[in-house]
Structure formats: structure tokens, C-alpha cells
Amino acid sequence: MKILTLLISLSIFFAPHISYAAPAASVAATINNEMITSLQLDKNVRLYMASKGINPQKVSAGERREIEKSVLSDLVKESIIIQEANNQNIKINDQALNAEIQNSIDKAGGSRDAFYANLAKQGYDEKLYKEKVRNTLLTQALINKNVLRKIIVTDDEILDFYLKNGGQITGKANVALLVYANGDDMDNNAEKLIKSPKNFESTAKEISVGPYAENGGVLGEMAISDLASPVQTAIQGLEEGEVSKVFSINGAYAQAKVLSKTTSSKNISEIIDPNLVVKIRDGLRMQKAGNKIEEYISGLEKKAIVTIK
């Protein structure tokens, strides 16, 4: 995913140290009142090439200049983001930092010593790696605060994603289904049926083109997980006797009425693991973000005073 790649690339390959003074090295760039020295740039270029498996001895002068240009651009962007996080008083505590590092160690499947030994081959020591992880978390926190948290993901969207990706809801339900033949029928009846559910079955007999229309669209009691996922989503949170909003199913529009149901919670976290709810919500926010993250970062870049030496 482009957005995830952007977030990761801001800090995963580059040492994060930005200096205020470097008497032994020339200045490669200044960002507001901070600077990146030529020594820091050189170190980050070496880290980048190591991470990509590039042999420095086989890199031409032209290729080296292109790599330096790309690495410097990312270092400048990272500096702008971290400065903004500091300006907004965003902090990453040691507990969160250590938890993230331990998660990476666990994913690697080896010991802590083996993990850092492997990083050492790429030019990282433990201190440098911690700085890298902290900057990654600061970047994520800044984006969450200023972009993702402003994007609304509804419980229905979470449930729909959950069901479409193999999730199941326990319990049984008896549902009546009305599938509209055309838009006029839907416009004339949808809101009326929500307000007067008692007319649902008789209306279904008259106009539904869905299953069991002759019986008012009553499907009969079955496991909720056996219902089509759009129907499962539609009846989430409805009580016995209530009619859903219009939803799309198999290219048509429909409504459902709950005749009986053993799972009636309106709280999605009581139906789906709360930790999974958080992950799905965050993932859908990222999908909805589209170009908003890039636009936000571009806005920060436009406000920054950057000088490339």
C-alpha cells in the first residue's frame, strides 16, 4: 500500500540524528534551525546501501549521487515530521518504545542478541535502532492525530469488512427480506417500512423480487453466519420487529426485518474481539485516507525553511 510504504520509508533505513553543530563536517542541508551534516548523510547512505544489498565498491559516481539525493530528501522529510511532532508535544514513552522493539524481535523469531547481531551487519547499534523506532512511532502518532483520527469509520463498515473476510457472528435469526425491483418502489416504501415495520411482510408480498416473496420474504430461522454478509451487516444492532435501512445485495437494493434474533447487541465490540475491531478500524482509516497523508506531509514541507547545500 502506497501510504504504508510512505510511513515506513520515512525512517526505516535512515539514522535519525539531526545535529545543531558539527565542527568536523560540512553542512549538507538545514531544516528550519536544524542541520544535517555531510558525515551524517554519508553514514545514512552506507546504511541504505547495506539495507538494499548494494556493494559500495560497485557503485559509480553518478549512481552514488542519485542515492545521496534520495537519502537526503528522506532525511529532510523525516526532520520536518519529527520537528512538527515535537512542536505538537507528541512523545513516545519508553514503555511503548520497548514494546514495539520487542514485537520486532518476536517477529524475527530469534533471541534479542541475535536480533541486534543481525542489525549490526547493516550498520545499526542498539542506540541507533531505538532512535529509528522512536521516530517511526512519532511519525505514526503525528499522522494519527492530524489525519487518521479525523476520518470516520462506522461500526457497519467494520462489520462488513469482518464478514467479507471470513469473520462470523454466532447466534440465530429469522429475517424477512424485501428486494426492490426498481428505484421507484424503494423511494415509495423504504422510509415508511422503517417507521411502520408491521407492513413489511405484506409489502414484500406485493413488490419484492427476492426469495420467498410469496411468504412476505420470510427466510426462516437459521444461523446468522449463514445469512449473506450484507444482511448480517444490515441487521446488526436491530431488535426484534425492527426494519433495516436500505442496503445493496447482489447488485440490487433491499431491506431486512428482524423477526427474531439471539444476538442483538448494539455494541460491535461485544460481537467481534475488541482488539480486532481496533485493527480493522485503523486499517479502514488508512484505506480512506487516500492522498490525505501525502497532502498533510506536503503541507508541512511547504511551511519548512529548507536549504540544500
Protein backbone atom coordinates (compact mmCIF):
# COMPACT_ATOMS: atom_id res chain seq x y z
CA MET A 1 0.00 0.00 0.00
CA LYS A 2 1.40 3.38 -1.02
CA ILE A 3 0.51 5.09 2.26
CA LEU A 4 2.09 2.41 4.42
CA THR A 5 5.20 2.47 2.26
CA LEU A 6 5.44 6.21 2.76
CA LEU A 7 5.18 5.94 6.54
CA ILE A 8 7.77 3.20 6.74
CA SER A 9 10.22 4.75 4.30
CA LEU A 10 10.43 7.92 6.33
CA SER A 11 12.57 6.24 8.95
CA ILE A 12 13.22 2.56 8.47
CA PHE A 13 16.51 2.86 6.61
CA PHE A 14 17.91 6.09 7.96
CA ALA A 15 19.72 7.09 11.13
CA PRO A 16 17.62 9.81 12.70
CA HIS A 17 20.22 12.09 14.33
CA ILE A 18 19.96 15.73 13.26
CA SER A 19 22.68 17.99 14.70
CA TYR A 20 22.75 21.61 15.74
CA ALA A 21 26.51 21.75 15.36
CA ALA A 22 29.10 19.64 13.58
CA PRO A 23 32.51 21.31 13.61
CA ALA A 24 34.26 18.43 11.84
CA ALA A 25 31.88 18.18 8.90
CA SER A 26 30.30 20.40 6.30
CA VAL A 27 26.55 21.00 6.26
CA ALA A 28 24.53 19.03 3.71
CA ALA A 29 21.19 20.68 4.49
CA THR A 30 19.43 22.86 7.01
CA ILE A 31 15.79 22.40 8.00
CA ASN A 32 14.46 25.40 9.90
CA ASN A 33 17.20 25.79 12.53
CA GLU A 34 18.46 22.20 12.44
CA MET A 35 21.08 20.73 10.19
CA ILE A 36 22.20 17.52 8.54
CA THR A 37 25.95 17.20 8.16
CA SER A 38 27.85 15.55 5.34
CA LEU A 39 29.09 12.91 7.80
CA GLN A 40 25.52 12.05 8.77
CA LEU A 41 24.50 11.91 5.13
CA ASP A 42 27.42 9.62 4.34
CA LYS A 43 26.50 7.30 7.22
CA ASN A 44 22.89 7.13 6.09
CA VAL A 45 23.94 6.42 2.52
CA ARG A 46 26.03 3.49 3.77
CA LEU A 47 23.10 2.23 5.86
CA TYR A 48 20.81 2.50 2.86
CA MET A 49 23.15 0.58 0.58
CA ALA A 50 23.62 -2.12 3.23
CA SER A 51 19.85 -2.50 3.61
CA LYS A 52 19.49 -2.87 -0.17
CA GLY A 53 22.44 -5.25 -0.52
CA ILE A 54 24.34 -2.76 -2.68
CA ASN A 55 28.11 -3.13 -2.82
CA PRO A 56 29.61 0.39 -2.39
CA GLN A 57 32.65 -0.64 -4.40
CA LYS A 58 30.49 -1.30 -7.44
CA VAL A 59 28.55 1.96 -7.36
CA SER A 60 29.51 4.55 -9.97
CA ALA A 61 29.92 8.23 -9.11
CA GLY A 62 26.63 9.01 -10.85
CA GLU A 63 24.75 6.27 -9.01
CA ARG A 64 26.24 7.46 -5.74
CA ARG A 65 24.99 10.99 -6.36
CA GLU A 66 21.47 9.71 -7.07
CA ILE A 67 21.47 7.66 -3.87
CA GLU A 68 22.73 10.64 -1.86
CA LYS A 69 20.00 12.82 -3.35
CA SER A 70 17.29 10.30 -2.46
CA VAL A 71 18.62 9.66 1.05
CA LEU A 72 18.98 13.38 1.78
CA SER A 73 15.43 14.01 0.59
CA ASP A 74 14.11 11.40 3.01
CA LEU A 75 16.24 12.75 5.87
CA VAL A 76 14.89 16.24 5.26
CA LYS A 77 11.32 14.93 5.21
CA GLU A 78 11.93 12.97 8.40
CA SER A 79 13.39 16.01 10.12
CA ILE A 80 10.36 18.12 9.18
CA ILE A 81 7.98 15.50 10.55
CA ILE A 82 9.87 14.97 13.81
CA GLN A 83 10.11 18.72 14.35
CA GLU A 84 6.36 19.02 13.87
CA ALA A 85 5.74 16.15 16.30
CA ASN A 86 7.88 17.94 18.88
CA ASN A 87 6.05 21.21 18.21
CA GLN A 88 2.76 19.41 18.94
CA ASN A 89 4.25 17.94 22.12
CA ILE A 90 3.84 14.37 20.86
CA LYS A 91 6.01 12.00 22.86
CA ILE A 92 6.74 8.28 22.82
CA ASN A 93 7.31 6.83 26.27
CA ASP A 94 9.86 4.10 26.96
CA GLN A 95 7.13 1.51 27.57
CA ALA A 96 5.67 1.99 24.08
CA LEU A 97 9.14 2.08 22.53
CA ASN A 98 10.28 -1.13 24.24
CA ALA A 99 7.01 -2.88 23.37
CA GLU A 100 7.47 -2.05 19.68
CA ILE A 101 11.07 -3.27 19.72
CA GLN A 102 10.07 -6.49 21.48
CA ASN A 103 7.37 -7.01 18.87
CA SER A 104 10.01 -6.77 16.13
CA ILE A 105 12.24 -9.24 18.00
CA ASP A 106 9.34 -11.67 18.39
CA LYS A 107 8.52 -11.43 14.68
CA ALA A 108 12.15 -12.18 13.83
CA GLY A 109 11.78 -15.42 15.79
CA GLY A 110 15.17 -15.36 17.49
CA SER A 111 16.81 -14.05 20.63
CA ARG A 112 17.40 -10.39 21.45
CA ASP A 113 21.14 -10.86 20.94
CA ALA A 114 20.61 -12.48 17.55
CA PHE A 115 18.29 -9.65 16.54
CA TYR A 116 20.84 -6.96 17.31
CA ALA A 117 23.64 -9.01 15.81
CA ASN A 118 21.74 -9.04 12.54
CA LEU A 119 21.16 -5.28 12.75
CA ALA A 120 24.87 -4.76 13.37
CA LYS A 121 25.58 -6.30 9.97
CA GLN A 122 23.53 -3.45 8.48
CA GLY A 123 25.41 -0.83 10.48
CA TYR A 124 22.96 -0.35 13.35
CA ASP A 125 23.80 -0.47 17.04
CA GLU A 126 21.09 -0.72 19.73
CA LYS A 127 21.01 3.02 20.43
CA LEU A 128 20.66 3.92 16.76
CA TYR A 129 17.91 1.35 16.24
CA LYS A 130 15.95 2.69 19.22
CA GLU A 131 16.14 6.17 17.73
CA LYS A 132 14.87 4.82 14.43
CA VAL A 133 11.92 3.07 16.10
CA ARG A 134 11.09 6.13 18.19
CA ASN A 135 11.00 8.31 15.09
CA THR A 136 8.78 5.80 13.32
CA LEU A 137 6.34 5.86 16.25
CA LEU A 138 6.45 9.67 16.35
CA THR A 139 5.62 9.75 12.64
CA GLN A 140 2.71 7.35 13.11
CA ALA A 141 1.42 9.32 16.12
CA LEU A 142 1.57 12.60 14.20
CA ILE A 143 -0.33 11.11 11.24
CA ASN A 144 -2.90 9.50 13.55
CA LYS A 145 -3.53 12.77 15.36
CA ASN A 146 -3.75 15.06 12.36
CA VAL A 147 -5.12 12.81 9.61
CA LEU A 148 -6.46 9.40 10.57
CA ARG A 149 -8.43 10.38 13.68
CA LYS A 150 -10.41 12.83 11.58
CA ILE A 151 -11.57 10.03 9.29
CA ILE A 152 -14.78 8.35 10.44
CA VAL A 153 -15.18 4.57 10.13
CA THR A 154 -18.62 3.31 11.16
CA ASP A 155 -19.41 0.09 13.00
CA ASP A 156 -21.32 -1.09 9.92
CA GLU A 157 -18.18 -0.66 7.81
CA ILE A 158 -16.14 -2.64 10.35
CA LEU A 159 -18.73 -5.41 10.47
CA ASP A 160 -18.98 -5.53 6.68
CA PHE A 161 -15.20 -5.88 6.36
CA TYR A 162 -15.16 -8.53 9.10
CA LEU A 163 -17.82 -10.62 7.40
CA LYS A 164 -16.35 -10.28 3.90
CA ASN A 165 -13.01 -11.51 5.20
CA GLY A 166 -14.15 -14.74 6.79
CA GLY A 167 -15.46 -13.48 10.13
CA GLN A 168 -18.60 -14.99 11.60
CA ILE A 169 -21.28 -13.94 14.07
CA THR A 170 -22.73 -16.56 16.38
CA GLY A 171 -26.42 -16.95 17.13
CA LYS A 172 -29.59 -17.50 15.10
CA ALA A 173 -32.08 -15.21 13.42
CA ASN A 174 -35.32 -15.28 11.46
CA VAL A 175 -35.30 -12.50 8.91
CA ALA A 176 -37.74 -11.28 6.27
CA LEU A 177 -36.08 -9.89 3.14
CA LEU A 178 -37.54 -7.41 0.67
CA VAL A 179 -35.59 -6.93 -2.58
CA TYR A 180 -36.69 -3.94 -4.64
CA ALA A 181 -37.34 -4.33 -8.35
CA ASN A 182 -36.77 -0.65 -9.09
CA GLY A 183 -35.90 2.70 -7.60
CA ASP A 184 -39.48 3.96 -7.53
CA ASP A 185 -40.60 1.10 -5.30
CA MET A 186 -37.65 1.77 -2.99
CA ASP A 187 -38.31 5.53 -2.80
CA ASN A 188 -42.01 4.98 -2.08
CA ASN A 189 -41.58 2.37 0.64
CA ALA A 190 -38.16 2.38 2.35
CA GLU A 191 -38.72 5.09 4.98
CA LYS A 192 -42.34 4.05 5.54
CA LEU A 193 -41.31 0.48 6.40
CA ILE A 194 -38.71 1.65 8.90
CA LYS A 195 -41.39 3.71 10.64
CA SER A 196 -44.14 1.06 10.28
CA PRO A 197 -42.47 -2.40 10.37
CA LYS A 198 -45.85 -4.15 10.68
CA ASN A 199 -46.40 -3.55 6.96
CA PHE A 200 -43.11 -5.15 5.91
CA GLU A 201 -44.30 -8.67 5.07
CA SER A 202 -47.40 -7.51 3.18
CA THR A 203 -45.29 -5.05 1.17
CA ALA A 204 -42.78 -7.78 0.39
CA LYS A 205 -45.56 -9.98 -0.95
CA GLU A 206 -46.63 -7.20 -3.30
CA ILE A 207 -43.34 -5.89 -4.70
CA SER A 208 -40.33 -7.99 -3.64
CA VAL A 209 -38.33 -9.81 -6.30
CA GLY A 210 -36.30 -11.63 -3.67
CA PRO A 211 -36.59 -15.15 -2.22
CA TYR A 212 -39.85 -16.29 -0.61
CA ALA A 213 -41.64 -13.13 -1.72
CA GLU A 214 -44.93 -15.02 -1.72
CA ASN A 215 -44.44 -15.60 2.02
CA GLY A 216 -43.51 -12.00 2.79
CA GLY A 217 -39.81 -12.61 2.26
CA VAL A 218 -39.53 -14.67 5.47
CA LEU A 219 -36.35 -16.75 5.24
CA GLY A 220 -36.95 -18.87 8.34
CA GLU A 221 -34.72 -19.26 11.38
CA MET A 222 -31.08 -20.01 10.55
CA ALA A 223 -27.59 -19.38 11.84
CA ILE A 224 -26.70 -15.72 11.42
CA SER A 225 -23.44 -16.80 9.79
CA ASP A 226 -25.49 -18.48 7.02
CA LEU A 227 -27.12 -15.20 6.01
CA ALA A 228 -25.50 -13.22 3.20
CA SER A 229 -22.94 -10.83 4.67
CA PRO A 230 -24.87 -7.68 3.59
CA VAL A 231 -27.89 -9.00 5.51
CA GLN A 232 -25.76 -9.77 8.56
CA THR A 233 -24.43 -6.23 8.49
CA ALA A 234 -27.89 -4.74 7.97
CA ILE A 235 -29.47 -6.45 10.99
CA GLN A 236 -26.58 -5.72 13.37
CA GLY A 237 -27.98 -3.84 16.36
CA LEU A 238 -31.62 -4.21 15.31
CA GLU A 239 -34.11 -5.54 17.83
CA GLU A 240 -36.99 -7.91 17.12
CA GLY A 241 -39.59 -6.26 14.89
CA GLU A 242 -37.26 -3.54 13.52
CA VAL A 243 -36.52 -2.90 9.83
CA SER A 244 -33.10 -2.08 8.46
CA LYS A 245 -32.02 0.79 6.24
CA VAL A 246 -31.70 0.06 2.53
CA PHE A 247 -28.57 -1.92 1.63
CA SER A 248 -27.03 -3.37 -1.52
CA ILE A 249 -27.10 -7.10 -2.19
CA ASN A 250 -26.17 -8.88 -5.42
CA GLY A 251 -26.49 -5.68 -7.43
CA ALA A 252 -29.95 -4.84 -6.08
CA TYR A 253 -31.30 -2.83 -3.15
CA ALA A 254 -33.06 -4.44 -0.22
CA GLN A 255 -34.30 -4.12 3.34
CA ALA A 256 -34.50 -6.72 6.08
CA LYS A 257 -36.81 -7.11 9.06
CA VAL A 258 -35.73 -8.96 12.19
CA LEU A 259 -38.46 -11.39 13.25
CA SER A 260 -36.30 -12.98 15.92
CA LYS A 261 -32.61 -12.94 16.82
CA THR A 262 -30.49 -14.38 19.61
CA THR A 263 -27.65 -11.87 19.09
CA SER A 264 -28.93 -8.33 19.44
CA SER A 265 -26.07 -6.29 20.90
CA LYS A 266 -25.68 -2.78 19.50
CA ASN A 267 -22.04 -2.76 20.62
CA ILE A 268 -19.84 -4.26 17.91
CA SER A 269 -17.05 -4.96 20.44
CA GLU A 270 -19.37 -7.48 22.11
CA ILE A 271 -19.68 -9.38 18.81
CA ILE A 272 -16.12 -9.07 17.48
CA ASP A 273 -12.92 -9.21 19.53
CA PRO A 274 -12.30 -5.57 20.65
CA ASN A 275 -8.62 -5.77 19.64
CA LEU A 276 -9.67 -6.89 16.16
CA VAL A 277 -12.18 -4.03 15.99
CA VAL A 278 -9.35 -1.55 16.62
CA LYS A 279 -7.15 -3.14 13.93
CA ILE A 280 -9.95 -3.17 11.35
CA ARG A 281 -10.90 0.43 12.14
CA ASP A 282 -7.28 1.59 11.78
CA GLY A 283 -6.89 -0.33 8.53
CA LEU A 284 -10.07 1.14 7.03
CA ARG A 285 -8.96 4.60 8.08
CA MET A 286 -5.73 4.07 6.17
CA GLN A 287 -7.71 2.99 3.10
CA LYS A 288 -9.96 6.04 3.36
CA ALA A 289 -7.02 8.36 3.86
CA GLY A 290 -6.14 8.16 0.18
CA ASN A 291 -3.86 11.09 -0.58
CA LYS A 292 -4.62 12.90 2.68
CA ILE A 293 -1.38 11.71 4.35
CA GLU A 294 0.77 12.83 1.43
CA GLU A 295 -1.13 16.14 1.33
CA TYR A 296 -0.56 16.69 5.05
CA ILE A 297 3.17 15.98 4.79
CA SER A 298 3.46 18.17 1.68
CA GLY A 299 1.85 20.96 3.69
CA LEU A 300 4.50 20.60 6.39
CA GLU A 301 7.24 20.68 3.75
CA LYS A 302 5.87 23.88 2.24
CA LYS A 303 5.98 25.62 5.63
CA ALA A 304 9.52 24.47 6.43
CA ILE A 305 12.60 26.52 5.58
CA VAL A 306 14.91 24.04 3.84
CA THR A 307 18.30 24.78 2.36
CA ILE A 308 20.24 22.12 0.46
CA LYS A 309 23.97 22.89 0.38
